[in-house]
Protein backbone atom coordinates (compact mmCIF):
# COMPACT_ATOMS: atom_id res chain seq x y z
CA MET A 1 -55.60 -79.36 48.10
CA ALA A 2 -58.77 -77.56 50.46
CA VAL A 3 -61.21 -79.82 51.81
CA ASN A 4 -64.47 -78.87 49.82
CA PHE A 5 -63.46 -75.00 49.63
CA PRO A 6 -66.33 -73.10 48.97
CA LEU A 7 -66.59 -70.75 45.31
CA ILE A 8 -65.58 -67.50 46.67
CA LYS A 9 -66.68 -64.63 43.88
CA PRO A 10 -65.38 -61.04 44.35
CA VAL A 11 -69.15 -60.08 43.59
CA GLN A 12 -70.08 -61.94 46.37
CA LEU A 13 -68.06 -59.81 48.61
CA TYR A 14 -70.43 -56.12 49.92
CA ALA A 15 -68.72 -53.18 50.12
CA VAL A 16 -68.93 -51.85 53.76
CA PRO A 17 -69.62 -47.94 53.98
CA GLY A 18 -66.47 -46.07 55.60
CA ILE A 19 -63.96 -49.05 54.80
CA GLU A 20 -61.20 -48.49 52.14
CA LEU A 21 -58.47 -51.20 50.88
CA GLY A 22 -55.72 -50.71 48.93
CA TRP A 23 -52.64 -53.64 48.23
CA ALA A 24 -49.35 -53.25 46.37
CA GLU A 25 -46.54 -55.59 45.72
CA ALA A 26 -43.80 -54.37 48.06
CA HIS A 27 -41.17 -57.61 47.58
CA ILE A 28 -41.53 -58.30 51.44
CA ARG A 29 -39.94 -61.61 50.56
CA LYS A 30 -41.03 -62.76 46.78
CA PRO A 31 -41.56 -60.99 43.77
CA ASN A 32 -44.26 -60.80 41.89
CA ARG A 33 -47.54 -61.18 44.37
CA LYS A 34 -49.85 -58.88 46.80
CA ASP A 35 -47.92 -58.38 50.06
CA LEU A 36 -49.28 -55.48 51.51
CA LEU A 37 -52.48 -54.21 52.20
CA VAL A 38 -54.42 -51.02 53.49
CA ILE A 39 -57.24 -50.85 54.97
CA HIS A 40 -58.47 -46.96 56.10
CA LEU A 41 -61.83 -46.42 58.36
CA ALA A 42 -64.24 -43.91 58.34
CA GLU A 43 -63.50 -41.05 61.37
CA CYS A 44 -65.08 -42.20 64.09
CA SER A 45 -65.27 -45.57 63.41
CA ARG A 46 -64.21 -47.98 66.64
CA VAL A 47 -62.21 -50.97 66.23
CA ALA A 48 -61.73 -53.54 68.77
CA GLY A 49 -59.15 -56.52 68.80
CA ILE A 50 -57.98 -59.61 70.52
CA PHE A 51 -54.10 -60.82 70.28
CA THR A 52 -52.16 -64.09 70.66
CA LYS A 53 -51.10 -65.48 73.95
CA ASN A 54 -47.71 -66.06 72.57
CA ARG A 55 -45.12 -64.43 75.19
CA PHE A 56 -43.10 -64.20 71.83
CA CYS A 57 -45.38 -62.19 70.51
CA ALA A 58 -44.68 -60.56 67.12
CA ALA A 59 -43.70 -56.52 67.17
CA PRO A 60 -46.92 -54.91 65.12
CA VAL A 61 -49.04 -57.12 68.19
CA THR A 62 -47.35 -54.89 70.68
CA VAL A 63 -47.37 -51.77 69.29
CA CYS A 64 -51.09 -53.22 67.81
CA GLN A 65 -52.25 -53.40 71.81
CA GLU A 66 -50.43 -50.09 72.72
CA HIS A 67 -52.47 -47.82 70.01
CA LEU A 68 -55.90 -49.58 70.43
CA SER A 69 -55.22 -48.23 74.28
CA ALA A 70 -54.35 -44.67 73.57
CA SER A 71 -57.47 -44.19 72.21
CA ALA A 72 -57.02 -42.24 69.72
CA GLY A 73 -59.30 -43.16 66.60
CA ILE A 74 -57.91 -45.73 64.67
CA ARG A 75 -58.07 -44.46 61.09
CA ALA A 76 -55.90 -46.91 59.54
CA LEU A 77 -54.88 -50.90 59.14
CA VAL A 78 -51.80 -51.89 57.64
CA VAL A 79 -50.16 -55.62 57.25
CA ASN A 80 -47.51 -57.31 55.54
CA THR A 81 -47.26 -60.72 54.52
CA GLY A 82 -43.80 -62.47 54.07
CA ASN A 83 -42.05 -61.51 56.72
CA ALA A 84 -43.53 -61.34 60.94
CA ASN A 85 -41.31 -59.29 62.62
CA ALA A 86 -41.46 -61.45 65.14
CA GLY A 87 -38.51 -62.57 67.31
CA THR A 88 -36.41 -59.06 66.25
CA GLY A 89 -36.31 -57.63 69.52
CA GLU A 90 -36.45 -53.70 69.55
CA SER A 91 -35.41 -53.05 65.81
CA GLY A 92 -38.64 -55.01 65.03
CA ILE A 93 -40.76 -52.37 67.40
CA LEU A 94 -39.07 -50.00 65.68
CA ALA A 95 -39.72 -50.72 62.03
CA THR A 96 -43.35 -51.37 63.02
CA ARG A 97 -43.37 -47.67 64.41
CA GLN A 98 -41.47 -46.08 61.67
CA THR A 99 -44.27 -48.45 59.15
CA CYS A 100 -46.74 -46.73 61.24
CA ALA A 101 -45.34 -43.32 61.48
CA ALA A 102 -44.95 -44.13 56.98
CA LEU A 103 -48.53 -44.54 56.57
CA ALA A 104 -50.35 -41.77 59.16
CA ASP A 105 -47.73 -39.27 56.68
CA LEU A 106 -49.00 -40.35 53.39
CA LEU A 107 -52.64 -40.38 55.21
CA SER A 108 -52.85 -36.84 57.21
CA ILE A 109 -53.47 -38.80 59.87
CA GLU A 110 -51.53 -39.87 63.16
CA PRO A 111 -49.19 -42.64 63.85
CA ASN A 112 -50.96 -44.23 66.44
CA GLN A 113 -53.94 -43.79 64.40
CA VAL A 114 -52.84 -46.89 62.17
CA LEU A 115 -53.16 -50.34 63.72
CA PRO A 116 -49.80 -52.56 61.93
CA PHE A 117 -49.79 -56.14 61.28
CA SER A 118 -47.31 -58.90 60.00
CA THR A 119 -47.31 -62.58 58.60
CA GLY A 120 -44.96 -64.74 57.82
CA VAL A 121 -41.01 -66.22 58.79
CA ILE A 122 -40.24 -65.73 62.43
CA MET A 123 -36.91 -64.00 63.20
CA GLU A 124 -35.96 -62.28 59.85
CA PRO A 125 -35.18 -58.40 60.15
CA LEU A 126 -38.75 -56.76 58.58
CA PRO A 127 -37.78 -54.95 54.89
CA VAL A 128 -39.47 -52.15 55.95
CA ASP A 129 -38.20 -49.69 53.35
CA ARG A 130 -39.63 -52.10 50.85
CA LEU A 131 -42.86 -51.69 52.89
CA ILE A 132 -42.70 -48.18 53.54
CA SER A 133 -41.99 -47.89 49.22
CA GLY A 134 -45.08 -50.05 48.54
CA LEU A 135 -47.22 -47.67 50.69
CA PRO A 136 -48.17 -45.47 48.08
CA GLN A 137 -49.11 -48.38 45.38
CA ALA A 138 -51.49 -49.74 48.48
CA ILE A 139 -52.77 -46.11 49.02
CA GLY A 140 -53.19 -45.51 44.75
CA ASN A 141 -55.47 -48.65 45.04
CA LEU A 142 -57.55 -47.74 47.42
CA LYS A 143 -61.68 -48.49 46.70
CA SER A 144 -64.06 -49.99 48.93
CA THR A 145 -64.74 -53.43 46.52
CA ASN A 146 -61.14 -54.08 46.98
CA TRP A 147 -62.00 -56.93 49.84
CA PHE A 148 -61.11 -59.91 47.60
CA GLU A 149 -57.87 -58.22 46.63
CA ALA A 150 -56.81 -58.00 49.85
CA ALA A 151 -57.54 -61.15 51.17
CA GLN A 152 -55.15 -62.30 48.61
CA SER A 153 -52.91 -59.65 49.98
CA ILE A 154 -52.01 -61.06 53.34
CA MET A 155 -51.90 -65.03 51.95
CA THR A 156 -48.92 -67.06 53.25
CA THR A 157 -48.66 -70.72 52.83
CA ASP A 158 -52.82 -70.01 52.36
CA THR A 159 -53.57 -71.61 48.46
CA LEU A 160 -57.09 -69.86 48.08
CA PRO A 161 -58.41 -66.33 49.93
CA LYS A 162 -60.68 -66.05 52.48
CA ALA A 163 -63.37 -63.65 52.67
CA ALA A 164 -66.85 -63.66 53.26
CA SER A 165 -69.97 -61.46 53.32
CA HIS A 166 -73.69 -61.15 55.27
CA GLN A 167 -76.21 -58.07 54.76
CA ILE A 168 -78.57 -58.30 57.68
CA THR A 169 -81.36 -56.36 58.86
CA ILE A 170 -81.89 -54.72 62.13
CA ASN A 171 -84.83 -52.71 62.91
CA ASP A 172 -85.54 -52.43 59.40
CA HIS A 173 -82.51 -50.97 58.62
CA CYS A 174 -79.71 -53.19 56.72
CA VAL A 175 -76.41 -53.70 57.72
CA THR A 176 -73.55 -54.78 56.18
CA LEU A 177 -70.34 -57.11 57.39
CA THR A 178 -67.69 -57.85 55.39
CA GLY A 179 -64.80 -59.86 56.32
CA ILE A 180 -61.07 -61.91 55.63
CA SER A 181 -59.17 -63.99 57.23
CA LYS A 182 -55.47 -65.41 56.68
CA GLY A 183 -53.87 -69.03 58.30
CA ALA A 184 -52.99 -72.33 56.78
CA GLY A 185 -50.57 -73.95 59.58
CA MET A 186 -49.20 -72.84 63.17
CA ILE A 187 -52.95 -72.90 63.86
CA HIS A 188 -53.67 -73.32 67.60
CA PRO A 189 -56.63 -71.42 69.99
CA ASN A 190 -55.36 -68.28 71.55
CA MET A 191 -55.28 -67.56 68.54
CA ALA A 192 -53.76 -69.39 65.82
CA THR A 193 -50.93 -67.88 63.34
CA MET A 194 -54.20 -66.66 61.89
CA LEU A 195 -55.31 -62.90 60.49
CA GLY A 196 -59.08 -61.53 60.93
CA PHE A 197 -60.38 -59.02 59.55
CA VAL A 198 -64.47 -57.89 60.38
CA CYS A 199 -65.80 -54.56 59.19
CA THR A 200 -69.50 -53.32 59.68
CA ASP A 201 -71.24 -50.12 58.98
CA ALA A 202 -73.29 -50.46 62.59
CA ARG A 203 -72.65 -47.49 65.26
CA VAL A 204 -71.55 -49.34 68.25
CA THR A 205 -70.06 -47.92 71.35
CA GLN A 206 -66.28 -49.05 72.06
CA PRO A 207 -67.25 -51.12 75.73
CA VAL A 208 -69.75 -53.34 73.45
CA LEU A 209 -66.96 -53.59 70.54
CA ASN A 210 -64.86 -54.84 73.65
CA THR A 211 -67.46 -57.45 74.82
CA LEU A 212 -68.17 -58.50 70.94
CA VAL A 213 -65.20 -58.95 69.63
CA LYS A 214 -64.22 -61.45 72.80
CA ASP A 215 -67.51 -63.39 72.66
CA VAL A 216 -66.88 -64.09 68.66
CA ALA A 217 -63.45 -64.90 69.17
CA ASP A 218 -63.99 -67.70 71.11
CA LEU A 219 -66.40 -69.61 69.23
CA SER A 220 -64.49 -68.83 66.04
CA PHE A 221 -61.03 -68.19 65.61
CA ASN A 222 -60.27 -69.57 69.31
CA ALA A 223 -61.90 -72.81 68.21
CA ILE A 224 -60.07 -74.07 65.74
CA THR A 225 -56.79 -75.92 65.51
CA ILE A 226 -54.82 -77.58 63.19
CA ASP A 227 -51.27 -78.57 64.43
CA GLY A 228 -51.60 -77.05 67.91
CA ASP A 229 -48.97 -74.11 67.92
CA THR A 230 -49.66 -71.14 68.69
CA SER A 231 -48.59 -68.52 66.97
CA THR A 232 -46.59 -64.76 67.53
CA ASN A 233 -48.73 -62.92 65.46
CA ASP A 234 -52.81 -64.08 65.60
CA SER A 235 -54.65 -60.70 65.97
CA PHE A 236 -58.46 -60.69 65.32
CA ILE A 237 -60.05 -56.97 64.54
CA VAL A 238 -63.56 -55.77 64.38
CA VAL A 239 -64.38 -52.56 63.15
CA ALA A 240 -67.52 -50.68 62.94
CA THR A 241 -67.65 -47.83 61.22
CA GLY A 242 -71.11 -46.55 62.53
CA GLN A 243 -72.01 -45.34 58.98
CA THR A 244 -75.34 -46.50 58.69
CA ASP A 245 -78.86 -45.07 60.04
CA LEU A 246 -79.12 -47.88 62.50
CA PRO A 247 -79.03 -46.16 65.83
CA GLU A 248 -75.86 -46.81 68.09
CA ILE A 249 -76.16 -50.26 69.95
CA THR A 250 -74.63 -49.55 73.82
CA ARG A 251 -75.84 -52.44 75.72
CA THR A 252 -74.69 -56.06 75.12
CA ASP A 253 -78.15 -57.19 76.21
CA SER A 254 -80.54 -55.59 73.62
CA PRO A 255 -81.74 -57.30 70.77
CA GLU A 256 -80.33 -55.64 67.95
CA TYR A 257 -76.50 -56.55 70.25
CA PHE A 258 -77.97 -60.71 69.72
CA ILE A 259 -78.94 -59.77 66.30
CA LEU A 260 -75.76 -57.78 65.15
CA ARG A 261 -73.78 -60.15 67.75
CA ASN A 262 -74.65 -63.38 65.85
CA ALA A 263 -74.66 -62.25 62.59
CA ILE A 264 -70.36 -61.36 63.14
CA LEU A 265 -69.89 -64.47 64.91
CA SER A 266 -71.45 -66.35 61.98
CA LEU A 267 -69.23 -64.29 59.34
CA SER A 268 -65.98 -65.40 61.78
CA GLN A 269 -66.85 -68.94 61.65
CA ARG A 270 -66.93 -68.68 57.84
CA LEU A 271 -63.71 -67.81 57.67
CA ALA A 272 -61.90 -69.75 60.71
CA GLN A 273 -63.53 -72.86 58.82
CA LEU A 274 -61.99 -71.27 55.35
CA ILE A 275 -58.43 -71.78 57.59
CA VAL A 276 -58.82 -75.40 58.60
CA ARG A 277 -60.15 -76.19 54.98
CA ASP A 278 -57.67 -75.01 53.44
CA ALA A 279 -54.95 -76.20 56.11
CA GLU A 280 -51.46 -77.48 55.01
CA GLY A 281 -51.54 -80.92 53.44
CA ALA A 282 -55.24 -81.29 54.99
CA THR A 283 -57.63 -84.01 53.33
CA LYS A 284 -60.23 -84.44 55.83
CA PHE A 285 -62.52 -81.38 58.37
CA ILE A 286 -63.27 -82.96 61.20
CA THR A 287 -65.75 -81.11 63.73
CA ILE A 288 -65.43 -82.67 67.14
CA THR A 289 -68.69 -81.89 69.49
CA VAL A 290 -68.56 -82.58 72.92
CA GLU A 291 -71.95 -82.66 75.00
CA GLY A 292 -72.86 -83.32 78.32
CA GLY A 293 -70.10 -81.79 80.13
CA GLY A 294 -70.15 -80.33 83.53
CA ASN A 295 -68.98 -76.89 81.71
CA VAL A 296 -68.00 -75.66 78.79
CA SER A 297 -64.17 -75.40 79.69
CA GLU A 298 -64.46 -79.00 80.09
CA CYS A 299 -66.11 -79.86 77.05
CA ARG A 300 -63.30 -77.72 74.86
CA GLN A 301 -60.28 -79.05 77.01
CA ILE A 302 -61.79 -82.58 75.96
CA ALA A 303 -62.05 -81.60 72.00
CA TYR A 304 -58.69 -79.69 71.70
CA ALA A 305 -57.51 -83.48 72.91
CA ILE A 306 -58.75 -84.75 70.53
CA GLY A 307 -58.16 -82.37 67.69
CA HIS A 308 -54.27 -81.84 69.24
CA SER A 309 -53.74 -85.72 68.60
CA PRO A 310 -50.89 -86.66 66.18
CA LEU A 311 -52.10 -90.03 66.37
CA VAL A 312 -55.66 -89.25 65.89
CA LYS A 313 -54.81 -86.70 62.92
CA THR A 314 -53.48 -89.57 61.18
CA ALA A 315 -55.50 -92.10 61.13
CA PHE A 316 -58.11 -89.72 60.41
CA PHE A 317 -55.66 -89.33 56.86
CA ALA A 318 -54.86 -92.73 56.92
CA SER A 319 -59.32 -93.29 57.15
CA ASP A 320 -57.88 -95.98 59.72
CA PRO A 321 -60.75 -96.97 62.20
CA ASN A 322 -58.47 -96.98 64.90
CA LEU A 323 -60.93 -95.33 67.24
CA GLY A 324 -59.15 -95.92 70.31
CA ARG A 325 -57.37 -93.15 69.92
CA ILE A 326 -59.95 -90.78 70.15
CA LEU A 327 -60.47 -92.75 73.88
CA ALA A 328 -56.88 -92.05 74.93
CA ALA A 329 -57.22 -88.78 74.53
CA ILE A 330 -60.28 -87.96 75.96
CA GLY A 331 -58.54 -89.68 78.87
CA TYR A 332 -55.40 -87.65 79.28
CA ALA A 333 -56.85 -84.38 78.43
CA GLU A 334 -57.44 -84.70 82.69
CA VAL A 335 -60.66 -83.36 82.87
CA PRO A 336 -61.15 -83.48 86.81
CA ASP A 337 -63.17 -86.37 88.31
CA LEU A 338 -64.00 -87.75 84.96
CA ASP A 339 -65.87 -91.07 84.61
CA VAL A 340 -65.32 -92.67 81.46
CA SER A 341 -67.41 -95.31 82.39
CA GLN A 342 -70.82 -92.47 81.76
CA ILE A 343 -68.78 -91.64 77.97
CA ASP A 344 -70.35 -92.49 74.66
CA LEU A 345 -68.42 -91.75 71.36
CA TYR A 346 -70.15 -90.98 67.76
CA LEU A 347 -68.71 -91.34 64.44
CA ASP A 348 -70.91 -89.24 62.62
CA ASP A 349 -74.12 -91.98 62.75
CA VAL A 350 -71.77 -94.15 63.75
CA PHE A 351 -72.18 -95.73 68.09
CA VAL A 352 -68.63 -96.65 68.60
CA ALA A 353 -68.25 -96.48 71.88
CA ARG A 354 -71.10 -96.98 74.98
CA ALA A 355 -70.62 -96.56 78.27
CA GLY A 356 -66.81 -95.89 77.83
CA GLY A 357 -66.91 -99.01 76.04
CA ARG A 358 -66.72 -100.86 72.95
CA HIS A 359 -70.77 -100.57 71.53
CA PRO A 360 -71.83 -104.20 71.30
CA GLU A 361 -72.91 -103.41 67.70
CA TYR A 362 -70.55 -101.36 66.07
CA ARG A 363 -68.91 -102.90 63.04
CA GLU A 364 -65.17 -101.84 61.60
CA GLU A 365 -66.38 -101.33 58.33
CA ASP A 366 -69.13 -98.27 59.64
CA GLY A 367 -65.80 -96.46 61.23
CA GLN A 368 -63.93 -97.21 57.55
CA ARG A 369 -66.76 -95.86 55.73
CA VAL A 370 -67.36 -92.27 57.74
CA MET A 371 -63.57 -92.46 58.11
CA GLN A 372 -63.07 -91.83 54.53
CA GLN A 373 -65.54 -89.59 54.32
CA SER A 374 -63.98 -86.10 53.53
CA GLU A 375 -65.67 -84.40 55.91
CA ILE A 376 -66.46 -86.27 59.43
CA ILE A 377 -68.21 -85.14 62.86
CA VAL A 378 -67.04 -86.65 65.92
CA ARG A 379 -69.19 -86.18 68.67
CA VAL A 380 -68.83 -87.24 72.59
CA VAL A 381 -71.37 -86.97 75.38
CA LEU A 382 -69.93 -87.05 78.78
CA GLY A 383 -72.92 -87.76 80.68
CA ARG A 384 -72.29 -85.60 83.82
CA GLY A 385 -73.92 -82.08 83.00
CA ASP A 386 -75.45 -79.96 80.00
CA ALA A 387 -72.37 -77.60 78.48
CA HIS A 388 -71.16 -78.34 75.08
CA ALA A 389 -68.19 -77.05 72.57
CA THR A 390 -67.29 -77.38 69.06
CA VAL A 391 -63.69 -77.37 67.66
CA TRP A 392 -63.32 -78.01 63.91
CA THR A 393 -59.92 -79.75 62.82
CA CYS A 394 -57.61 -81.29 59.82
CA ASP A 395 -55.72 -84.01 59.53
CA LEU A 396 -52.24 -84.69 59.34
CA SER A 397 -50.67 -85.75 56.32
CA TYR A 398 -47.43 -86.48 54.52
CA ASP A 399 -47.80 -83.02 52.60
CA TYR A 400 -48.14 -80.90 56.09
CA VAL A 401 -44.35 -82.05 56.72
CA LYS A 402 -43.35 -81.45 53.07
CA ILE A 403 -44.86 -77.87 53.59
CA ASN A 404 -43.22 -77.33 56.51
CA ALA A 405 -39.75 -78.22 55.39
CA ASP A 406 -39.65 -76.04 52.70
CA TYR A 407 -41.33 -72.83 53.80
CA ARG A 408 -38.16 -70.90 54.07
CA SER A 409 -37.17 -72.08 50.75
C-alpha cells in the first residue's frame, strides 16, 4: 500500500506542445499490460539526460549516451518494461540498435535520433521481435494527452502510475511542464531503478539544459533511497521542445533560468517522492534533513547513512523508537573530524538527543508517538557550519522481502 499517495487524475496532466505519447501491449514479459511507450518529439527539441553510475549499465543506457553525444537532434524516445536488457552483452546492444532502427524507420528519422530505455528483469535476453512488433500500435496511439497512459506503461513493481504537471508564467509567457517516473525498489542515488522523463515547451540552449538536468537531479532523483541498491538502467531525461513564445533561455544566471529551473525541480521532487511513497512494501515516508554541516557532501553522507540502514528502517516499520540506531548511523558515516558532542537529533517536534547524548527531557512515549505516524521527519543538526541536505526514504517491511523474493515468478 503506497504511503499517502495523491490521487492523480489524467485531466490534471497538461499536454506539452511538441510532445506526443503512444503506448502498446507488446507482451514483453506478461500479456495484457501496457509495456511499451513511444514519445515523439517536435523537430528542434533539445534533450539532456543523466544516467546510472553502475558499471554494469544496461545496453539502452550505453546507446542513449552515444546518441545524445552525437548531437543529431533527438526526435523520439522508446521505453519497454518487463525486461532491463542489462547483463546481456553484445546481443543486448544489438537488440537496442535494432529497436532504434525500427522506430526510426516508422517515424522517418535516423536511428541515432532515438533514445532507448528499458526496465525490468536483469540478465534475460530482450524479446526484441515482440518489442518491434508493438511499435506500430504505439505509434498509432500517439496523442499529446496520453501522459497518464504513458506513466502506466513504464511501471514494473510500481503499484500506481506516477505523473505530475505544472504551468508557470515567465515574463508573461505561459510555460508548460509535465513528467512521469517509475520505480519502487532497487532505489539508491546515482541513480535508482527509476526512469524519469520531464518535458517542457520552453526554449533552452543545449549547454543550459545540460546544466539544468544535473542541478535538478542532485536535489530530486539523486536524493531518494529505498534499499541502497544502485540499478543498471536509471535514466533521467529533460526535454525542451521550444514551442513556447518565450525567448530562448541562454544563460544559467538569468532570472528566466531560475524560474524554469525551480519549476522543473519542484516537478522532479514530486516525481521522486512518489517513487518513495510507492516503495516496495513501504508503510512510512521519511524525510531526513541534515543541517549545520561543513559542506553539502557531508550532510548528504550522513543522511544516506541513516536512510540506508536496515536497522533504522526496520525500527521505523516496527514504530520502535530505538533511536540509538540513528546515532550509530551518523557515527559510521565516515565524516572526517565529526565532533559528536555537537550533534542534536530531532524526531519531528521531539528533541531526542542534545550534544551527542540523550536529551534529559526526552521520553520514550514521545518518540513512539512520532514513530507511529505514516510521515516522519528526522532532523540532524551537526553544529559545524551552514550547509544542509535532504534525503527521502521509507521503512523496510516484511512485504519488501516478499515482493523481491517473488519478483520473477
